[in-house]
Amino acid sequence: MFRPIPFPRIHPPRTIARATTTLVLLLASTVPHAARAAPSCQVVRFDRGQNGIEIAGMAPARDTLCYALTTAPNQTANLRLTASPNIVLDIPGVAEDQREVTFRTERRTYRIQVGQLARGAYAEPFRLSISLD
């Protein structure tokens, strides 16, 4: 006796839409942190007559903090982190995963990102010293 071959089940559009949404959310959650939208940056401002500042904060376990530093051309920027060895700073186009950086500036705004090199389970304290000479 022959058994009829069942036709493939045609899923209603709502089920397909739900599956597509689930797939998109799953893929979005696997996108590396660097490819996600950039965090908003806190503007670094020096007090009148000062050429340096010290920022204290907590480096989050799974994210970075961002600071925006606007400079004039031909200044010397000095940045130094005082924290556990796991806390590092990135300045796109200048330095990556460093604890201390000195560079000649251009007329532009630099994004300084502070975060944990090896992502931990909790936030870690840091102090960031910035000076312009």
C-alpha atoms as a PDB file:
ATOM      1  CA  MET A   1       0.000   0.000   0.000  1.00  0.00           C
ATOM      2  CA  PHE A   2       1.245   3.429  -0.869  1.00  0.00           C
ATOM      3  CA  ARG A   3       1.534   6.107   1.699  1.00  0.00           C
ATOM      4  CA  PRO A   4       0.768   9.604   0.510  1.00  0.00           C
ATOM      5  CA  ILE A   5       3.678  12.011   0.706  1.00  0.00           C
ATOM      6  CA  PRO A   6       2.687  14.908   2.919  1.00  0.00           C
ATOM      7  CA  PHE A   7       2.944  18.340   1.412  1.00  0.00           C
ATOM      8  CA  PRO A   8       5.206  20.737   3.239  1.00  0.00           C
ATOM      9  CA  ARG A   9       3.309  22.840   5.693  1.00  0.00           C
ATOM     10  CA  ILE A  10       2.963  26.438   4.602  1.00  0.00           C
ATOM     11  CA  HIS A  11       3.508  28.706   7.557  1.00  0.00           C
ATOM     12  CA  PRO A  12       1.243  31.690   7.977  1.00  0.00           C
ATOM     13  CA  PRO A  13       2.911  35.099   7.487  1.00  0.00           C
ATOM     14  CA  ARG A  14       2.725  35.885  11.204  1.00  0.00           C
ATOM     15  CA  THR A  15       4.869  32.841  12.066  1.00  0.00           C
ATOM     16  CA  ILE A  16       7.429  33.759   9.404  1.00  0.00           C
ATOM     17  CA  ALA A  17       7.573  37.347  10.694  1.00  0.00           C
ATOM     18  CA  ARG A  18       8.069  36.105  14.260  1.00  0.00           C
ATOM     19  CA  ALA A  19      10.887  33.775  13.168  1.00  0.00           C
ATOM     20  CA  THR A  20      12.540  36.567  11.164  1.00  0.00           C
ATOM     21  CA  THR A  21      12.356  38.954  14.127  1.00  0.00           C
ATOM     22  CA  THR A  22      13.886  36.335  16.416  1.00  0.00           C
ATOM     23  CA  LEU A  23      16.720  35.730  13.960  1.00  0.00           C
ATOM     24  CA  VAL A  24      17.437  39.463  13.590  1.00  0.00           C
ATOM     25  CA  LEU A  25      17.532  39.946  17.376  1.00  0.00           C
ATOM     26  CA  LEU A  26      19.814  36.951  17.777  1.00  0.00           C
ATOM     27  CA  LEU A  27      22.236  38.252  15.146  1.00  0.00           C
ATOM     28  CA  ALA A  28      22.168  41.789  16.579  1.00  0.00           C
ATOM     29  CA  SER A  29      23.138  40.486  20.009  1.00  0.00           C
ATOM     30  CA  THR A  30      26.247  38.824  18.541  1.00  0.00           C
ATOM     31  CA  VAL A  31      27.599  41.954  16.804  1.00  0.00           C
ATOM     32  CA  PRO A  32      30.923  42.951  18.394  1.00  0.00           C
ATOM     33  CA  HIS A  33      30.819  45.922  20.732  1.00  0.00           C
ATOM     34  CA  ALA A  34      32.991  48.072  18.454  1.00  0.00           C
ATOM     35  CA  ALA A  35      30.489  47.742  15.616  1.00  0.00           C
ATOM     36  CA  ARG A  36      27.583  48.971  17.715  1.00  0.00           C
ATOM     37  CA  ALA A  37      26.533  52.598  17.989  1.00  0.00           C
ATOM     38  CA  ALA A  38      29.191  54.704  19.669  1.00  0.00           C
ATOM     39  CA  PRO A  39      28.475  55.802  23.232  1.00  0.00           C
ATOM     40  CA  SER A  40      27.881  59.478  23.929  1.00  0.00           C
ATOM     41  CA  CYS A  41      31.002  61.248  25.130  1.00  0.00           C
ATOM     42  CA  GLN A  42      31.416  63.446  28.175  1.00  0.00           C
ATOM     43  CA  VAL A  43      33.141  66.684  27.160  1.00  0.00           C
ATOM     44  CA  VAL A  44      36.458  67.346  28.933  1.00  0.00           C
ATOM     45  CA  ARG A  45      36.730  70.981  30.053  1.00  0.00           C
ATOM     46  CA  PHE A  46      39.666  72.539  31.844  1.00  0.00           C
ATOM     47  CA  ASP A  47      39.122  75.164  34.551  1.00  0.00           C
ATOM     48  CA  ARG A  48      40.137  78.686  33.522  1.00  0.00           C
ATOM     49  CA  GLY A  49      43.922  79.027  33.614  1.00  0.00           C
ATOM     50  CA  GLN A  50      44.481  75.279  33.989  1.00  0.00           C
ATOM     51  CA  ASN A  51      46.099  72.976  31.449  1.00  0.00           C
ATOM     52  CA  GLY A  52      45.175  69.683  33.097  1.00  0.00           C
ATOM     53  CA  ILE A  53      42.375  67.737  34.691  1.00  0.00           C
ATOM     54  CA  GLU A  54      41.941  64.488  36.582  1.00  0.00           C
ATOM     55  CA  ILE A  55      38.852  62.360  36.037  1.00  0.00           C
ATOM     56  CA  ALA A  56      37.854  59.613  38.470  1.00  0.00           C
ATOM     57  CA  GLY A  57      35.362  56.976  37.457  1.00  0.00           C
ATOM     58  CA  MET A  58      34.329  53.346  37.279  1.00  0.00           C
ATOM     59  CA  ALA A  59      35.124  51.377  34.111  1.00  0.00           C
ATOM     60  CA  PRO A  60      32.023  49.272  33.432  1.00  0.00           C
ATOM     61  CA  ALA A  61      32.326  45.510  33.076  1.00  0.00           C
ATOM     62  CA  ARG A  62      30.893  45.235  29.561  1.00  0.00           C
ATOM     63  CA  ASP A  63      31.126  48.714  28.047  1.00  0.00           C
ATOM     64  CA  THR A  64      33.434  51.710  27.734  1.00  0.00           C
ATOM     65  CA  LEU A  65      33.279  55.287  28.952  1.00  0.00           C
ATOM     66  CA  CYS A  66      33.889  58.006  26.385  1.00  0.00           C
ATOM     67  CA  TYR A  67      35.437  61.449  26.871  1.00  0.00           C
ATOM     68  CA  ALA A  68      35.715  64.126  24.166  1.00  0.00           C
ATOM     69  CA  LEU A  69      38.825  66.324  24.196  1.00  0.00           C
ATOM     70  CA  THR A  70      38.961  69.257  21.767  1.00  0.00           C
ATOM     71  CA  THR A  71      42.463  70.563  21.100  1.00  0.00           C
ATOM     72  CA  ALA A  72      44.304  73.246  19.170  1.00  0.00           C
ATOM     73  CA  PRO A  73      47.077  72.243  16.758  1.00  0.00           C
ATOM     74  CA  ASN A  74      50.637  71.511  17.916  1.00  0.00           C
ATOM     75  CA  GLN A  75      49.898  70.955  21.582  1.00  0.00           C
ATOM     76  CA  THR A  76      51.376  68.031  23.481  1.00  0.00           C
ATOM     77  CA  ALA A  77      48.659  65.878  25.013  1.00  0.00           C
ATOM     78  CA  ASN A  78      49.604  63.687  27.973  1.00  0.00           C
ATOM     79  CA  LEU A  79      47.132  61.068  29.186  1.00  0.00           C
ATOM     80  CA  ARG A  80      47.804  58.692  32.053  1.00  0.00           C
ATOM     81  CA  LEU A  81      45.608  56.051  33.671  1.00  0.00           C
ATOM     82  CA  THR A  82      46.018  55.135  37.307  1.00  0.00           C
ATOM     83  CA  ALA A  83      44.073  51.930  37.876  1.00  0.00           C
ATOM     84  CA  SER A  84      44.347  48.183  37.799  1.00  0.00           C
ATOM     85  CA  PRO A  85      46.371  46.836  34.845  1.00  0.00           C
ATOM     86  CA  ASN A  86      43.068  45.693  33.332  1.00  0.00           C
ATOM     87  CA  ILE A  87      41.928  49.290  32.639  1.00  0.00           C
ATOM     88  CA  VAL A  88      43.130  50.765  29.330  1.00  0.00           C
ATOM     89  CA  LEU A  89      42.365  53.706  27.073  1.00  0.00           C
ATOM     90  CA  ASP A  90      41.820  53.925  23.339  1.00  0.00           C
ATOM     91  CA  ILE A  91      42.066  57.028  21.168  1.00  0.00           C
ATOM     92  CA  PRO A  92      41.023  56.015  17.638  1.00  0.00           C
ATOM     93  CA  GLY A  93      43.829  56.800  15.196  1.00  0.00           C
ATOM     94  CA  VAL A  94      46.298  57.549  18.000  1.00  0.00           C
ATOM     95  CA  ALA A  95      46.566  54.743  20.575  1.00  0.00           C
ATOM     96  CA  GLU A  96      44.951  51.437  21.411  1.00  0.00           C
ATOM     97  CA  ASP A  97      44.886  49.536  24.718  1.00  0.00           C
ATOM     98  CA  GLN A  98      47.369  51.875  26.437  1.00  0.00           C
ATOM     99  CA  ARG A  99      47.730  53.135  29.997  1.00  0.00           C
ATOM    100  CA  GLU A 100      49.888  56.163  29.146  1.00  0.00           C
ATOM    101  CA  VAL A 101      49.931  58.176  25.903  1.00  0.00           C
ATOM    102  CA  THR A 102      51.740  61.332  24.743  1.00  0.00           C
ATOM    103  CA  PHE A 103      51.089  62.766  21.286  1.00  0.00           C
ATOM    104  CA  ARG A 104      51.130  65.974  19.226  1.00  0.00           C
ATOM    105  CA  THR A 105      47.622  67.272  18.654  1.00  0.00           C
ATOM    106  CA  GLU A 106      45.775  68.583  15.633  1.00  0.00           C
ATOM    107  CA  ARG A 107      42.841  70.963  15.618  1.00  0.00           C
ATOM    108  CA  ARG A 108      40.145  68.367  16.293  1.00  0.00           C
ATOM    109  CA  THR A 109      38.128  66.533  18.900  1.00  0.00           C
ATOM    110  CA  TYR A 110      39.644  63.286  20.143  1.00  0.00           C
ATOM    111  CA  ARG A 111      37.480  60.472  21.523  1.00  0.00           C
ATOM    112  CA  ILE A 112      39.076  58.908  24.581  1.00  0.00           C
ATOM    113  CA  GLN A 113      37.539  55.566  25.489  1.00  0.00           C
ATOM    114  CA  VAL A 114      38.247  53.956  28.852  1.00  0.00           C
ATOM    115  CA  GLY A 115      37.369  50.327  29.462  1.00  0.00           C
ATOM    116  CA  GLN A 116      38.464  46.952  30.682  1.00  0.00           C
ATOM    117  CA  LEU A 117      40.929  45.018  28.542  1.00  0.00           C
ATOM    118  CA  ALA A 118      39.645  41.642  29.762  1.00  0.00           C
ATOM    119  CA  ARG A 119      35.951  42.153  30.415  1.00  0.00           C
ATOM    120  CA  GLY A 120      35.254  41.448  34.063  1.00  0.00           C
ATOM    121  CA  ALA A 121      32.148  40.733  36.062  1.00  0.00           C
ATOM    122  CA  TYR A 122      32.127  44.096  37.833  1.00  0.00           C
ATOM    123  CA  ALA A 123      33.111  47.745  37.332  1.00  0.00           C
ATOM    124  CA  GLU A 124      36.651  48.788  38.294  1.00  0.00           C
ATOM    125  CA  PRO A 125      37.793  52.224  39.561  1.00  0.00           C
ATOM    126  CA  PHE A 126      40.235  54.399  37.613  1.00  0.00           C
ATOM    127  CA  ARG A 127      41.776  57.869  37.513  1.00  0.00           C
ATOM    128  CA  LEU A 128      42.554  59.508  34.175  1.00  0.00           C
ATOM    129  CA  SER A 129      44.958  62.466  34.135  1.00  0.00           C
ATOM    130  CA  ILE A 130      44.879  64.662  31.017  1.00  0.00           C
ATOM    131  CA  SER A 131      47.162  67.635  30.376  1.00  0.00           C
ATOM    132  CA  LEU A 132      47.890  69.834  27.366  1.00  0.00           C
ATOM    133  CA  ASP A 133      51.239  71.647  27.055  1.00  0.00           C
END
